[in-house]
PDB file of N, CA and C in Angstrom:
ATOM      1  N   ILE A   1      -2.804 -13.799  43.890  1.00  0.00           N
ATOM      2  CA  ILE A   1      -2.494 -14.302  42.564  1.00  0.00           C
ATOM      3  C   ILE A   1      -3.786 -14.847  41.978  1.00  0.00           C
ATOM      4  N   GLY A   2      -4.032 -14.506  40.722  1.00  0.00           N
ATOM      5  CA  GLY A   2      -5.235 -14.988  40.065  1.00  0.00           C
ATOM      6  C   GLY A   2      -4.921 -15.532  38.688  1.00  0.00           C
ATOM      7  N   LEU A   3      -5.605 -16.562  38.319  1.00  0.00           N
ATOM      8  CA  LEU A   3      -5.459 -17.157  36.999  1.00  0.00           C
ATOM      9  C   LEU A   3      -6.621 -16.664  36.146  1.00  0.00           C
ATOM     10  N   CYS A   4      -6.312 -16.016  35.050  1.00  0.00           N
ATOM     11  CA  CYS A   4      -7.341 -15.444  34.179  1.00  0.00           C
ATOM     12  C   CYS A   4      -7.803 -16.473  33.156  1.00  0.00           C
ATOM     13  N   LYS A   5      -9.110 -16.520  32.910  1.00  0.00           N
ATOM     14  CA  LYS A   5      -9.660 -17.453  31.918  1.00  0.00           C
ATOM     15  C   LYS A   5      -9.395 -16.980  30.502  1.00  0.00           C
ATOM     16  N   VAL A   6      -9.311 -15.672  30.299  1.00  0.00           N
ATOM     17  CA  VAL A   6      -9.085 -15.127  28.970  1.00  0.00           C
ATOM     18  C   VAL A   6      -7.619 -14.716  28.876  1.00  0.00           C
ATOM     19  N   ALA A   7      -6.855 -15.541  28.217  1.00  0.00           N
ATOM     20  CA  ALA A   7      -5.414 -15.301  28.105  1.00  0.00           C
ATOM     21  C   ALA A   7      -5.108 -14.428  26.886  1.00  0.00           C
ATOM     22  N   PRO A   8      -3.947 -13.757  26.900  1.00  0.00           N
ATOM     23  CA  PRO A   8      -3.540 -13.006  25.709  1.00  0.00           C
ATOM     24  C   PRO A   8      -3.406 -13.958  24.518  1.00  0.00           C
ATOM     25  N   ARG A   9      -3.583 -13.423  23.345  1.00  0.00           N
ATOM     26  CA  ARG A   9      -3.522 -14.224  22.123  1.00  0.00           C
ATOM     27  C   ARG A   9      -2.189 -14.979  22.030  1.00  0.00           C
ATOM     28  N   GLY A  10      -2.270 -16.261  21.780  1.00  0.00           N
ATOM     29  CA  GLY A  10      -1.085 -17.085  21.597  1.00  0.00           C
ATOM     30  C   GLY A  10      -0.539 -17.678  22.890  1.00  0.00           C
ATOM     31  N   LEU A  11      -1.169 -17.375  24.023  1.00  0.00           N
ATOM     32  CA  LEU A  11      -0.707 -17.923  25.300  1.00  0.00           C
ATOM     33  C   LEU A  11      -1.810 -18.769  25.924  1.00  0.00           C
ATOM     34  N   PRO A  12      -1.437 -19.838  26.634  1.00  0.00           N
ATOM     35  CA  PRO A  12      -2.453 -20.732  27.188  1.00  0.00           C
ATOM     36  C   PRO A  12      -3.199 -20.133  28.395  1.00  0.00           C
ATOM     37  N   TYR A  13      -2.582 -19.230  29.140  1.00  0.00           N
ATOM     38  CA  TYR A  13      -3.214 -18.650  30.323  1.00  0.00           C
ATOM     39  C   TYR A  13      -2.540 -17.326  30.673  1.00  0.00           C
ATOM     40  N   SER A  14      -3.129 -16.635  31.600  1.00  0.00           N
ATOM     41  CA  SER A  14      -2.598 -15.358  32.054  1.00  0.00           C
ATOM     42  C   SER A  14      -2.682 -15.326  33.571  1.00  0.00           C
ATOM     43  N   VAL A  15      -1.666 -14.800  34.222  1.00  0.00           N
ATOM     44  CA  VAL A  15      -1.631 -14.736  35.675  1.00  0.00           C
ATOM     45  C   VAL A  15      -1.536 -13.276  36.094  1.00  0.00           C
ATOM     46  N   LEU A  16      -2.266 -12.929  37.140  1.00  0.00           N
ATOM     47  CA  LEU A  16      -2.249 -11.582  37.670  1.00  0.00           C
ATOM     48  C   LEU A  16      -1.853 -11.635  39.136  1.00  0.00           C
ATOM     49  N   HIS A  17      -0.915 -10.780  39.532  1.00  0.00           N
ATOM     50  CA  HIS A  17      -0.504 -10.693  40.934  1.00  0.00           C
ATOM     51  C   HIS A  17      -0.564  -9.241  41.367  1.00  0.00           C
ATOM     52  N   LEU A  18      -1.300  -8.967  42.410  1.00  0.00           N
ATOM     53  CA  LEU A  18      -1.357  -7.636  42.989  1.00  0.00           C
ATOM     54  C   LEU A  18      -0.719  -7.698  44.362  1.00  0.00           C
ATOM     55  N   GLY A  19       0.162  -6.786  44.637  1.00  0.00           N
ATOM     56  CA  GLY A  19       0.816  -6.766  45.941  1.00  0.00           C
ATOM     57  C   GLY A  19       0.791  -5.370  46.530  1.00  0.00           C
ATOM     58  N   ASN A  20       0.829  -5.293  47.827  1.00  0.00           N
ATOM     59  CA  ASN A  20       0.862  -4.017  48.519  1.00  0.00           C
ATOM     60  C   ASN A  20       2.001  -4.074  49.528  1.00  0.00           C
ATOM     61  N   THR A  21       2.858  -3.095  49.469  1.00  0.00           N
ATOM     62  CA  THR A  21       3.977  -3.064  50.380  1.00  0.00           C
ATOM     63  C   THR A  21       4.270  -1.620  50.750  1.00  0.00           C
ATOM     64  N   CYS A  22       4.810  -1.425  51.925  1.00  0.00           N
ATOM     65  CA  CYS A  22       5.166  -0.073  52.362  1.00  0.00           C
ATOM     66  C   CYS A  22       6.307   0.490  51.517  1.00  0.00           C
ATOM     67  N   ALA A  23       7.025  -0.357  50.828  1.00  0.00           N
ATOM     68  CA  ALA A  23       8.125   0.110  49.983  1.00  0.00           C
ATOM     69  C   ALA A  23       7.612   0.861  48.758  1.00  0.00           C
ATOM     70  N   ALA A  24       6.297   0.875  48.562  1.00  0.00           N
ATOM     71  CA  ALA A  24       5.715   1.581  47.415  1.00  0.00           C
ATOM     72  C   ALA A  24       6.006   3.072  47.468  1.00  0.00           C
ATOM     73  N   HIS A  25       6.270   3.605  48.666  1.00  0.00           N
ATOM     74  CA  HIS A  25       6.528   5.042  48.764  1.00  0.00           C
ATOM     75  C   HIS A  25       7.767   5.449  47.977  1.00  0.00           C
ATOM     76  N   GLN A  26       8.714   4.552  47.801  1.00  0.00           N
ATOM     77  CA  GLN A  26       9.907   4.880  47.022  1.00  0.00           C
ATOM     78  C   GLN A  26       9.557   5.074  45.549  1.00  0.00           C
ATOM     79  N   MET A  27       8.698   4.206  45.016  1.00  0.00           N
ATOM     80  CA  MET A  27       8.275   4.332  43.628  1.00  0.00           C
ATOM     81  C   MET A  27       7.451   5.599  43.440  1.00  0.00           C
ATOM     82  N   PHE A  28       6.512   5.849  44.356  1.00  0.00           N
ATOM     83  CA  PHE A  28       5.696   7.057  44.261  1.00  0.00           C
ATOM     84  C   PHE A  28       6.559   8.313  44.369  1.00  0.00           C
ATOM     85  N   SER A  29       7.533   8.312  45.263  1.00  0.00           N
ATOM     86  CA  SER A  29       8.417   9.479  45.434  1.00  0.00           C
ATOM     87  C   SER A  29       9.192   9.762  44.152  1.00  0.00           C
ATOM     88  N   HIS A  30       9.682   8.723  43.527  1.00  0.00           N
ATOM     89  CA  HIS A  30      10.424   8.878  42.269  1.00  0.00           C
ATOM     90  C   HIS A  30       9.515   9.448  41.179  1.00  0.00           C
ATOM     91  N   THR A  31       8.293   8.934  41.105  1.00  0.00           N
ATOM     92  CA  THR A  31       7.340   9.403  40.101  1.00  0.00           C
ATOM     93  C   THR A  31       6.970  10.863  40.339  1.00  0.00           C
ATOM     94  N   VAL A  32       6.749  11.243  41.604  1.00  0.00           N
ATOM     95  CA  VAL A  32       6.409  12.631  41.936  1.00  0.00           C
ATOM     96  C   VAL A  32       7.574  13.557  41.603  1.00  0.00           C
ATOM     97  N   LYS A  33       8.787  13.103  41.843  1.00  0.00           N
ATOM     98  CA  LYS A  33       9.966  13.914  41.521  1.00  0.00           C
ATOM     99  C   LYS A  33      10.028  14.178  40.010  1.00  0.00           C
ATOM    100  N   ASP A  34       9.825  13.133  39.226  1.00  0.00           N
ATOM    101  CA  ASP A  34       9.830  13.296  37.764  1.00  0.00           C
ATOM    102  C   ASP A  34       8.686  14.194  37.306  1.00  0.00           C
ATOM    103  N   PHE A  35       7.498  13.978  37.881  1.00  0.00           N
ATOM    104  CA  PHE A  35       6.345  14.811  37.533  1.00  0.00           C
ATOM    105  C   PHE A  35       6.619  16.273  37.855  1.00  0.00           C
ATOM    106  N   SER A  36       7.161  16.551  39.030  1.00  0.00           N
ATOM    107  CA  SER A  36       7.430  17.931  39.448  1.00  0.00           C
ATOM    108  C   SER A  36       8.410  18.611  38.499  1.00  0.00           C
ATOM    109  N   ARG A  37       9.428  17.888  38.106  1.00  0.00           N
ATOM    110  CA  ARG A  37      10.422  18.452  37.197  1.00  0.00           C
ATOM    111  C   ARG A  37       9.774  18.860  35.868  1.00  0.00           C
ATOM    112  N   LEU A  38       8.950  17.987  35.329  1.00  0.00           N
ATOM    113  CA  LEU A  38       8.278  18.283  34.063  1.00  0.00           C
ATOM    114  C   LEU A  38       7.198  19.359  34.230  1.00  0.00           C
ATOM    115  N   TYR A  39       6.427  19.274  35.300  1.00  0.00           N
ATOM    116  CA  TYR A  39       5.328  20.210  35.516  1.00  0.00           C
ATOM    117  C   TYR A  39       5.845  21.629  35.752  1.00  0.00           C
ATOM    118  N   ASN A  40       6.947  21.752  36.469  1.00  0.00           N
ATOM    119  CA  ASN A  40       7.526  23.079  36.714  1.00  0.00           C
ATOM    120  C   ASN A  40       8.015  23.731  35.419  1.00  0.00           C
ATOM    121  N   ARG A  41       8.400  22.920  34.461  1.00  0.00           N
ATOM    122  CA  ARG A  41       8.815  23.445  33.146  1.00  0.00           C
ATOM    123  C   ARG A  41       7.632  23.575  32.197  1.00  0.00           C
ATOM    124  N   LYS A  42       6.441  23.189  32.661  1.00  0.00           N
ATOM    125  CA  LYS A  42       5.206  23.187  31.857  1.00  0.00           C
ATOM    126  C   LYS A  42       5.311  22.253  30.650  1.00  0.00           C
ATOM    127  N   ALA A  43       6.144  21.253  30.772  1.00  0.00           N
ATOM    128  CA  ALA A  43       6.341  20.294  29.681  1.00  0.00           C
ATOM    129  C   ALA A  43       5.102  19.411  29.528  1.00  0.00           C
ATOM    130  N   HIS A  44       4.581  19.331  28.351  1.00  0.00           N
ATOM    131  CA  HIS A  44       3.454  18.464  27.974  1.00  0.00           C
ATOM    132  C   HIS A  44       2.128  18.855  28.617  1.00  0.00           C
ATOM    133  N   VAL A  45       2.094  19.914  29.427  1.00  0.00           N
ATOM    134  CA  VAL A  45       0.868  20.299  30.122  1.00  0.00           C
ATOM    135  C   VAL A  45      -0.226  20.682  29.130  1.00  0.00           C
ATOM    136  N   HIS A  46       0.148  21.319  28.047  1.00  0.00           N
ATOM    137  CA  HIS A  46      -0.849  21.773  27.072  1.00  0.00           C
ATOM    138  C   HIS A  46      -1.665  20.623  26.481  1.00  0.00           C
ATOM    139  N   HIS A  47      -1.103  19.419  26.480  1.00  0.00           N
ATOM    140  CA  HIS A  47      -1.848  18.272  25.964  1.00  0.00           C
ATOM    141  C   HIS A  47      -3.035  17.928  26.866  1.00  0.00           C
ATOM    142  N   TYR A  48      -2.887  18.191  28.156  1.00  0.00           N
ATOM    143  CA  TYR A  48      -3.902  17.801  29.126  1.00  0.00           C
ATOM    144  C   TYR A  48      -4.870  18.922  29.464  1.00  0.00           C
ATOM    145  N   THR A  49      -4.432  20.169  29.369  1.00  0.00           N
ATOM    146  CA  THR A  49      -5.311  21.284  29.732  1.00  0.00           C
ATOM    147  C   THR A  49      -6.402  21.516  28.702  1.00  0.00           C
ATOM    148  N   GLU A  50      -6.366  20.802  27.595  1.00  0.00           N
ATOM    149  CA  GLU A  50      -7.455  20.896  26.622  1.00  0.00           C
ATOM    150  C   GLU A  50      -8.739  20.280  27.165  1.00  0.00           C
ATOM    151  N   TYR A  51      -8.617  19.312  28.079  1.00  0.00           N
ATOM    152  CA  TYR A  51      -9.811  18.646  28.599  1.00  0.00           C
ATOM    153  C   TYR A  51      -9.842  18.527  30.121  1.00  0.00           C
ATOM    154  N   MET A  52      -8.911  19.149  30.815  1.00  0.00           N
ATOM    155  CA  MET A  52      -8.949  19.155  32.283  1.00  0.00           C
ATOM    156  C   MET A  52      -8.368  20.465  32.800  1.00  0.00           C
ATOM    157  N   GLU A  53      -8.730  20.813  34.010  1.00  0.00           N
ATOM    158  CA  GLU A  53      -8.260  22.050  34.626  1.00  0.00           C
ATOM    159  C   GLU A  53      -6.869  21.842  35.230  1.00  0.00           C
ATOM    160  N   ARG A  54      -6.085  22.912  35.245  1.00  0.00           N
ATOM    161  CA  ARG A  54      -4.738  22.818  35.825  1.00  0.00           C
ATOM    162  C   ARG A  54      -4.802  22.511  37.315  1.00  0.00           C
ATOM    163  N   GLY A  55      -5.870  22.932  37.974  1.00  0.00           N
ATOM    164  CA  GLY A  55      -6.031  22.656  39.405  1.00  0.00           C
ATOM    165  C   GLY A  55      -6.085  21.169  39.714  1.00  0.00           C
ATOM    166  N   GLU A  56      -6.512  20.372  38.749  1.00  0.00           N
ATOM    167  CA  GLU A  56      -6.561  18.926  38.953  1.00  0.00           C
ATOM    168  C   GLU A  56      -5.157  18.337  39.083  1.00  0.00           C
ATOM    169  N   PHE A  57      -4.176  18.949  38.403  1.00  0.00           N
ATOM    170  CA  PHE A  57      -2.781  18.520  38.575  1.00  0.00           C
ATOM    171  C   PHE A  57      -2.342  18.737  40.020  1.00  0.00           C
ATOM    172  N   ASP A  58      -2.649  19.931  40.535  1.00  0.00           N
ATOM    173  CA  ASP A  58      -2.248  20.259  41.903  1.00  0.00           C
ATOM    174  C   ASP A  58      -2.942  19.356  42.924  1.00  0.00           C
ATOM    175  N   GLU A  59      -4.217  19.083  42.686  1.00  0.00           N
ATOM    176  CA  GLU A  59      -4.964  18.210  43.588  1.00  0.00           C
ATOM    177  C   GLU A  59      -4.387  16.786  43.571  1.00  0.00           C
ATOM    178  N   ALA A  60      -4.071  16.288  42.383  1.00  0.00           N
ATOM    179  CA  ALA A  60      -3.483  14.946  42.275  1.00  0.00           C
ATOM    180  C   ALA A  60      -2.111  14.902  42.939  1.00  0.00           C
ATOM    181  N   PHE A  61      -1.332  15.979  42.771  1.00  0.00           N
ATOM    182  CA  PHE A  61      -0.010  16.065  43.395  1.00  0.00           C
ATOM    183  C   PHE A  61      -0.136  15.985  44.921  1.00  0.00           C
ATOM    184  N   GLU A  62      -1.090  16.732  45.479  1.00  0.00           N
ATOM    185  CA  GLU A  62      -1.304  16.708  46.930  1.00  0.00           C
ATOM    186  C   GLU A  62      -1.773  15.337  47.398  1.00  0.00           C
ATOM    187  N   THR A  63      -2.636  14.699  46.621  1.00  0.00           N
ATOM    188  CA  THR A  63      -3.141  13.374  46.984  1.00  0.00           C
ATOM    189  C   THR A  63      -2.013  12.347  47.013  1.00  0.00           C
ATOM    190  N   VAL A  64      -1.156  12.368  46.011  1.00  0.00           N
ATOM    191  CA  VAL A  64      -0.044  11.416  45.961  1.00  0.00           C
ATOM    192  C   VAL A  64       0.947  11.698  47.086  1.00  0.00           C
ATOM    193  N   ASN A  65       1.207  12.955  47.391  1.00  0.00           N
ATOM    194  CA  ASN A  65       2.103  13.277  48.506  1.00  0.00           C
ATOM    195  C   ASN A  65       1.533  12.785  49.827  1.00  0.00           C
ATOM    196  N   ALA A  66       0.211  12.905  50.026  1.00  0.00           N
ATOM    197  CA  ALA A  66      -0.415  12.382  51.237  1.00  0.00           C
ATOM    198  C   ALA A  66      -0.273  10.859  51.297  1.00  0.00           C
ATOM    199  N   LEU A  67      -0.427  10.195  50.153  1.00  0.00           N
ATOM    200  CA  LEU A  67      -0.271   8.746  50.085  1.00  0.00           C
ATOM    201  C   LEU A  67       1.161   8.340  50.441  1.00  0.00           C
ATOM    202  N   ILE A  68       2.134   9.082  49.926  1.00  0.00           N
ATOM    203  CA  ILE A  68       3.537   8.806  50.237  1.00  0.00           C
ATOM    204  C   ILE A  68       3.777   8.921  51.739  1.00  0.00           C
ATOM    205  N   LYS A  69       3.253   9.988  52.353  1.00  0.00           N
ATOM    206  CA  LYS A  69       3.425  10.186  53.801  1.00  0.00           C
ATOM    207  C   LYS A  69       2.791   9.046  54.581  1.00  0.00           C
ATOM    208  N   ASP A  70       1.608   8.577  54.147  1.00  0.00           N
ATOM    209  CA  ASP A  70       0.958   7.451  54.820  1.00  0.00           C
ATOM    210  C   ASP A  70       1.803   6.188  54.728  1.00  0.00           C
ATOM    211  N   TYR A  71       2.348   5.904  53.538  1.00  0.00           N
ATOM    212  CA  TYR A  71       3.185   4.712  53.379  1.00  0.00           C
ATOM    213  C   TYR A  71       4.463   4.823  54.220  1.00  0.00           C
ATOM    214  N   ILE A  72       5.061   5.991  54.273  1.00  0.00           N
ATOM    215  CA  ILE A  72       6.263   6.173  55.092  1.00  0.00           C
ATOM    216  C   ILE A  72       5.926   5.951  56.557  1.00  0.00           C
ATOM    217  N   HIS A  73       4.794   6.487  56.998  1.00  0.00           N
ATOM    218  CA  HIS A  73       4.373   6.295  58.391  1.00  0.00           C
ATOM    219  C   HIS A  73       4.182   4.805  58.696  1.00  0.00           C
ATOM    220  N   LEU A  74       3.509   4.087  57.805  1.00  0.00           N
ATOM    221  CA  LEU A  74       3.306   2.650  58.009  1.00  0.00           C
ATOM    222  C   LEU A  74       4.629   1.891  57.985  1.00  0.00           C
ATOM    223  N   ASP A  75       5.527   2.317  57.120  1.00  0.00           N
ATOM    224  CA  ASP A  75       6.835   1.670  57.026  1.00  0.00           C
ATOM    225  C   ASP A  75       7.610   1.844  58.328  1.00  0.00           C
ATOM    226  N   MET A  76       7.483   2.997  58.952  1.00  0.00           N
ATOM    227  CA  MET A  76       8.190   3.249  60.206  1.00  0.00           C
ATOM    228  C   MET A  76       7.607   2.424  61.348  1.00  0.00           C
ATOM    229  N   LEU A  77       6.314   2.092  61.285  1.00  0.00           N
ATOM    230  CA  LEU A  77       5.669   1.285  62.318  1.00  0.00           C
ATOM    231  C   LEU A  77       5.976  -0.196  62.180  1.00  0.00           C
ATOM    232  N   HIS A  78       6.370  -0.601  60.979  1.00  0.00           N
ATOM    233  CA  HIS A  78       6.583  -2.009  60.660  1.00  0.00           C
ATOM    234  C   HIS A  78       7.970  -2.450  61.116  1.00  0.00           C
ATOM    235  N   GLU A  79       8.029  -3.587  61.771  1.00  0.00           N
ATOM    236  CA  GLU A  79       9.318  -4.144  62.167  1.00  0.00           C
ATOM    237  C   GLU A  79       9.760  -5.174  61.123  1.00  0.00           C
ATOM    238  N   THR A  80      11.016  -5.085  60.725  1.00  0.00           N
ATOM    239  CA  THR A  80      11.563  -6.010  59.748  1.00  0.00           C
ATOM    240  C   THR A  80      11.782  -7.361  60.423  1.00  0.00           C
ATOM    241  N   PRO A  81      11.287  -8.443  59.829  1.00  0.00           N
ATOM    242  CA  PRO A  81      11.499  -9.775  60.402  1.00  0.00           C
ATOM    243  C   PRO A  81      12.994 -10.091  60.487  1.00  0.00           C
ATOM    244  N   ALA A  82      13.374 -10.823  61.531  1.00  0.00           N
ATOM    245  CA  ALA A  82      14.772 -11.178  61.734  1.00  0.00           C
ATOM    246  C   ALA A  82      15.341 -11.948  60.550  1.00  0.00           C
ATOM    247  N   SER A  83      14.499 -12.716  59.882  1.00  0.00           N
ATOM    248  CA  SER A  83      14.967 -13.513  58.740  1.00  0.00           C
ATOM    249  C   SER A  83      15.381 -12.630  57.566  1.00  0.00           C
ATOM    250  N   CYS A  84      14.952 -11.379  57.539  1.00  0.00           N
ATOM    251  CA  CYS A  84      15.312 -10.460  56.457  1.00  0.00           C
ATOM    252  C   CYS A  84      16.564  -9.650  56.772  1.00  0.00           C
ATOM    253  N   CYS A  85      17.000  -9.672  58.011  1.00  0.00           N
ATOM    254  CA  CYS A  85      18.175  -8.894  58.406  1.00  0.00           C
ATOM    255  C   CYS A  85      19.435  -9.718  58.228  1.00  0.00           C
ATOM    256  N   PRO A  86      20.511  -9.106  57.763  1.00  0.00           N
ATOM    257  CA  PRO A  86      21.760  -9.849  57.632  1.00  0.00           C
ATOM    258  C   PRO A  86      22.281 -10.259  59.021  1.00  0.00           C
ATOM    259  N   GLN A  87      22.734 -11.478  59.086  1.00  0.00           N
ATOM    260  CA  GLN A  87      23.262 -12.000  60.347  1.00  0.00           C
ATOM    261  C   GLN A  87      24.752 -11.660  60.456  1.00  0.00           C
ATOM    262  N   PRO A  88      25.215 -11.216  61.634  1.00  0.00           N
ATOM    263  CA  PRO A  88      26.640 -10.913  61.798  1.00  0.00           C
ATOM    264  C   PRO A  88      27.481 -12.178  61.633  1.00  0.00           C
ATOM    265  N   ALA A  89      28.634 -12.002  61.038  1.00  0.00           N
ATOM    266  CA  ALA A  89      29.521 -13.149  60.789  1.00  0.00           C
ATOM    267  C   ALA A  89      30.308 -13.537  62.007  1.00  0.00           C
TER     268      ALA A  89
END
């Protein structure tokens, strides 16, 4: 957590929080699913191919899929603390 000296206009301060969790793979998976659906239909691709190659889409897709696999692997290695598990009644 960080307190920023330059706050947005009209606010006394600004706070920034960056977090990393293995649960990020769920968000990335959802985003990749949406991207794949649009990309397979070639939706909006013409806006980007004016200044980038189509191969960059494929490379980014592979990179994000590798990241998802890494997060899933780390998630499987991680043990959930007992305090997070529901206790039997």
